[in-house]
Amino acid sequence: MPGDLDPARLRAAFGAFPTGVVAIAARVEGRVVGFAASSFTSVSLDPPLVSFSVAATSRTWPDLRRAGRVGVTVLAGHHGPVARQLAGPAGERFAGLQLSETADGAVTLDDGVAWFETTVERAVAAGDHTLVLLRLHSAHSTDAVPLVFHRSGFRRAG
């Protein structure tokens, strides 16, 4: 078992753990930029912090990092196609989606499970990813059923 960490086996092992899926988005230089992430987690209540990780090769993260405020939407059970869209070509990620935007540029999807307005607190290089710590400025939620990512597929929780 030790030393048996080839990438395919490691990916399969990571995929055994179901995770929630979020949309992370903001308006930057007049356009909405963002992506889907399945690495979102709560970090701290005091101060209020959450985190996610993004591939170090992401071409979207350098733009999103410059945003004044960043919106995070916990995707709902019916958002499987939306999650795939948010992982697609950058120019088409938000096409046809119902969005809300704060005065500071944080962008969220209207029909999510929960919404957070955040700022980037810190970003740390972590292997082939960047670990991003976000400070919360507002939070709202519903009782809707969330979307989960499990074994390389999107499923409705519950």
Protein backbone atom coordinates (compact mmCIF):
# COMPACT_ATOMS: atom_id res chain seq x y z
CA MET A 1 0.00 0.00 0.00
CA PRO A 2 2.61 2.69 0.90
CA GLY A 3 4.22 4.20 -2.19
CA ASP A 4 1.30 3.15 -4.39
CA LEU A 5 0.30 6.67 -5.45
CA ASP A 6 0.15 6.60 -9.23
CA PRO A 7 -2.07 9.45 -10.51
CA ALA A 8 -4.95 7.24 -11.72
CA ARG A 9 -5.16 5.36 -8.42
CA LEU A 10 -4.89 8.58 -6.42
CA ARG A 11 -7.63 10.25 -8.50
CA ALA A 12 -9.91 7.25 -7.91
CA ALA A 13 -9.25 7.36 -4.17
CA PHE A 14 -9.93 11.10 -4.01
CA GLY A 15 -13.14 10.52 -6.01
CA ALA A 16 -14.46 8.14 -3.36
CA PHE A 17 -15.12 11.15 -1.13
CA PRO A 18 -18.26 13.09 -2.20
CA THR A 19 -17.92 16.87 -2.15
CA GLY A 20 -20.24 19.79 -2.67
CA VAL A 21 -19.94 21.89 -5.81
CA VAL A 22 -19.79 25.67 -5.95
CA ALA A 23 -19.68 28.37 -8.58
CA ILE A 24 -17.05 31.01 -7.88
CA ALA A 25 -17.52 34.21 -9.86
CA ALA A 26 -17.04 37.96 -10.09
CA ARG A 27 -17.20 40.78 -12.57
CA VAL A 28 -13.66 41.72 -13.58
CA GLU A 29 -12.97 44.47 -16.12
CA GLY A 30 -16.56 44.41 -17.35
CA ARG A 31 -16.97 40.65 -17.80
CA VAL A 32 -18.15 37.83 -15.55
CA VAL A 33 -15.36 35.35 -14.85
CA GLY A 34 -15.39 32.22 -12.75
CA PHE A 35 -15.57 28.45 -12.60
CA ALA A 36 -16.98 25.47 -10.73
CA ALA A 37 -15.04 24.00 -7.80
CA SER A 38 -15.58 20.83 -5.79
CA SER A 39 -12.98 21.64 -3.16
CA PHE A 40 -14.98 24.25 -1.23
CA THR A 41 -15.05 23.93 2.56
CA SER A 42 -15.72 25.97 5.67
CA VAL A 43 -12.59 26.94 7.61
CA SER A 44 -13.43 29.25 10.52
CA LEU A 45 -16.34 31.03 12.20
CA ASP A 46 -14.13 33.66 13.83
CA PRO A 47 -12.96 35.15 11.59
CA PRO A 48 -15.45 33.86 9.01
CA LEU A 49 -13.36 32.00 6.41
CA VAL A 50 -13.92 29.41 3.68
CA SER A 51 -11.54 27.88 1.16
CA PHE A 52 -11.28 26.18 -2.21
CA SER A 53 -8.45 25.04 -4.43
CA VAL A 54 -7.86 25.72 -8.09
CA ALA A 55 -5.44 24.15 -10.55
CA ALA A 56 -2.18 26.06 -10.80
CA THR A 57 -2.65 25.99 -14.58
CA SER A 58 -6.02 27.81 -14.42
CA ARG A 59 -6.22 30.71 -16.85
CA THR A 60 -9.30 32.07 -15.03
CA TRP A 61 -7.88 32.30 -11.51
CA PRO A 62 -5.40 35.15 -12.26
CA ASP A 63 -8.36 37.29 -13.47
CA LEU A 64 -10.69 36.26 -10.65
CA ARG A 65 -8.02 36.94 -8.05
CA ARG A 66 -8.05 40.63 -9.03
CA ALA A 67 -11.77 40.99 -8.21
CA GLY A 68 -12.77 43.30 -5.37
CA ARG A 69 -15.41 40.84 -4.19
CA VAL A 70 -15.99 37.22 -5.21
CA GLY A 71 -19.34 35.44 -5.13
CA VAL A 72 -19.66 31.79 -4.15
CA THR A 73 -22.84 29.84 -4.90
CA VAL A 74 -23.42 26.34 -3.50
CA LEU A 75 -24.99 24.58 -6.48
CA ALA A 76 -28.37 22.86 -6.13
CA GLY A 77 -29.21 19.26 -7.01
CA HIS A 78 -30.53 20.24 -10.45
CA HIS A 79 -27.31 22.06 -11.38
CA GLY A 80 -25.40 19.10 -12.92
CA PRO A 81 -25.56 20.65 -16.42
CA VAL A 82 -24.61 24.05 -14.95
CA ALA A 83 -21.54 22.55 -13.25
CA ARG A 84 -20.45 21.07 -16.59
CA GLN A 85 -21.05 24.42 -18.30
CA LEU A 86 -18.95 26.21 -15.67
CA ALA A 87 -16.10 23.78 -16.41
CA GLY A 88 -16.32 24.51 -20.15
CA PRO A 89 -14.91 27.25 -22.37
CA ALA A 90 -14.39 30.47 -20.38
CA GLY A 91 -16.44 32.68 -22.71
CA GLU A 92 -19.52 30.45 -22.44
CA ARG A 93 -19.52 29.56 -18.73
CA PHE A 94 -22.26 31.98 -17.66
CA ALA A 95 -24.29 32.10 -20.89
CA GLY A 96 -28.03 31.81 -20.20
CA LEU A 97 -27.66 31.57 -16.41
CA GLN A 98 -29.69 33.76 -14.06
CA LEU A 99 -27.14 35.78 -12.10
CA SER A 100 -27.11 38.40 -9.37
CA GLU A 101 -24.31 40.86 -8.79
CA THR A 102 -23.42 42.99 -5.78
CA ALA A 103 -22.32 46.60 -6.10
CA ASP A 104 -18.75 45.39 -5.48
CA GLY A 105 -18.86 42.84 -8.33
CA ALA A 106 -19.48 39.53 -6.55
CA VAL A 107 -21.56 37.33 -8.88
CA THR A 108 -23.85 34.49 -7.75
CA LEU A 109 -26.36 32.15 -9.42
CA ASP A 110 -29.95 32.96 -8.49
CA ASP A 111 -31.19 29.43 -7.79
CA GLY A 112 -28.43 28.01 -5.60
CA VAL A 113 -28.53 26.46 -2.14
CA ALA A 114 -26.35 29.08 -0.43
CA TRP A 115 -24.59 32.29 -1.41
CA PHE A 116 -21.51 34.00 -0.01
CA GLU A 117 -19.92 37.35 -0.75
CA THR A 118 -16.18 37.13 -0.11
CA THR A 119 -12.77 38.68 -0.62
CA VAL A 120 -9.53 36.83 -1.22
CA GLU A 121 -7.70 36.64 2.10
CA ARG A 122 -4.72 34.60 0.94
CA ALA A 123 -3.62 32.25 -1.85
CA VAL A 124 -0.97 29.60 -1.20
CA ALA A 125 0.82 27.42 -3.75
CA ALA A 126 0.04 23.78 -2.88
CA GLY A 127 1.56 21.30 -5.32
CA ASP A 128 -0.26 21.43 -8.64
CA HIS A 129 -3.01 23.63 -7.13
CA THR A 130 -3.43 26.94 -5.36
CA LEU A 131 -5.26 26.87 -2.02
CA VAL A 132 -7.43 30.00 -1.73
CA LEU A 133 -8.67 31.33 1.59
CA LEU A 134 -11.73 33.62 1.35
CA ARG A 135 -13.07 35.99 4.01
CA LEU A 136 -16.88 36.07 4.22
CA HIS A 137 -18.81 39.33 4.15
CA SER A 138 -22.33 37.93 3.79
CA ALA A 139 -24.00 34.52 3.77
CA HIS A 140 -27.51 33.34 2.87
CA SER A 141 -28.96 29.85 2.47
CA THR A 142 -32.08 27.85 1.65
CA ASP A 143 -33.28 24.32 2.41
CA ALA A 144 -32.73 23.16 -1.20
CA VAL A 145 -30.87 19.90 -1.85
CA PRO A 146 -27.25 20.44 -2.98
CA LEU A 147 -25.28 18.97 -5.86
CA VAL A 148 -22.37 16.67 -5.04
CA PHE A 149 -19.39 15.49 -7.05
CA HIS A 150 -18.62 11.79 -6.50
CA ARG A 151 -16.59 9.30 -8.54
CA SER A 152 -16.11 11.82 -11.37
CA GLY A 153 -19.84 12.54 -11.72
CA PHE A 154 -22.42 15.05 -10.48
CA ARG A 155 -25.30 13.79 -8.33
CA ARG A 156 -28.11 15.22 -6.30
CA ALA A 157 -27.42 14.79 -2.56
CA GLY A 158 -29.95 12.87 -0.50
